[in-house]
Amino acid sequence: MTESKHCIPSAYSSPGAKQGTRAQKYAEFLWRTDPLAEAVMDEFARMPESKWRALLEVALAQGVEAVPDAPEPLRALFRQLESTPIWVDRDTCNLGGATFLRCRLGFVPLALLALPIIYSWPAGNKPLALSGQLVHRASQRLKDTARYVFAVSQPDGLSRFSEGFAMTVRVRLIHAQVRRLLIESRQWRREAWGAPINQCHMAGTNLMFSVGVLDGLTRLGYRFKRVEREALVHLWRYAGYLLGVEHELQMADEFESHRLLDLMFAFEPQPDDDSRALVDALMQTSFTYVQNFKAARWCSVNLCYGISRALIGDEQAAALRFPKTNWKFIVPMMRPFTWLIETTRMFSSSVQALARVAGPKAFRHLLSERGLRGSTGDFAIPRRIAVRTHESEFASGHERSEAAKQEATDGGKA
């Protein structure tokens, strides 16, 4: 297939004529990535690994000006990172982070709504599939995601020398390196999938961490003021800027965010076997956390599938081949109780203070050794990936499921 800026890769669905020029513009972003970060990794590839890792550490910790021999691509990247857009409001970012952290069940829509939707995108999940990380390290992947969201949500979590800022830059460079390695492997089917980790999937992931999580929390019974909802969108809009999402895909409010997601879903094909394998590994890993509570040890992994079904909807759950289970009714059953507690919080300063303590405490427990099993990684940029061909040599669905269960048993040490 001949590529053009408006050509739709063959694996995607055609959104139809009603989307008009928006669809044509969106198709262009399926071919676009992050030239600034990729130029850095191209430059690093010509250096000894010990040297470029040292350069990056100093640039993150002290600023790129503290690196006298920093290559120009690294300087260009940090000029963009340190040039804060005029629309960024730090107080609003802090309100967005606080809004998320006060929700004790914040992990639930993150793990059981946002990630399953992200994994359902066939071209979007191929970097994980091709790198051999489809099932293995699912525990670490989930824990790293939770750790990153927690860091970004801290007060001044995206300020220049914060942990959240450094993690964001590392994630951005990891994406650039994975793109480079996938293309070098010759296993990336560009005509079918577009560019690896393209602008559309970067923006979609970012939106699922903001409006996707907000929608899930609302379905669980949480109540938010409009200013709180918009603050969480604002926080992740800035995170998207730092991650390399182009300005046209940095949505300013909930309405714009849902409008872009609607367009994205018009393009995305049905989930594939890789989607289902990733989600199954996610459910197995999430269930290991649920099992830590004695009152829930008699449950099965279908509890996670049921909650996820209630959050993402029957249509998407059917496409991902979720098992049918009565556990989906636990969400509408708990919603009135959450709503009542939330209503009390809105009128009680003491309950508000308790929520500000209880929410972060629940997240810290999640990230402790008593929470999600396995250790968190250091967000290190990979030197290589064990690329596998996207053909029949992938494990069957049953084998993947068994691998996920074994990883949960082993504590995520695969």
Foldseek 3Di string as FASTA:
>chain_A
DDDDLQDAFAQWFDLDCVCPVVSSNVRNQLQAAFVLLLVLVVVCVVDDVVVSVVQLVCCQAPNNVVPVPDDPSVVVLVVLLVPQDPPADLVLLQLLLLLLLLDQCLLLLVLQPLVLVLLQFALQCVLCVQLVNLQALLLQVSLQVLVLSNQLSHRCSCPRNGPNVSLLLLVLNLQSLSQVQVVVVVQDPCSRRHGHPTLLSLLSSLLCSQVVSVLLVVLLAADDDQSNSQSNLSSSLSSSSSSRRDPVSSDRGDVRSVVSVVSVVSTGDQGDLSSLLNSLLSLLQQVLQVCLDVVCVVDDSLLSLLCSCLSNHVVNSVSSPRDDDPSVCVRVVSNVVSNVLNVVCVVDVVSVVVSSPSSNVSSVCCSDCSGRFDHHDPSHRDPHGPGDRPDDVDDDSVVSSVSSNVCSVVRSPD
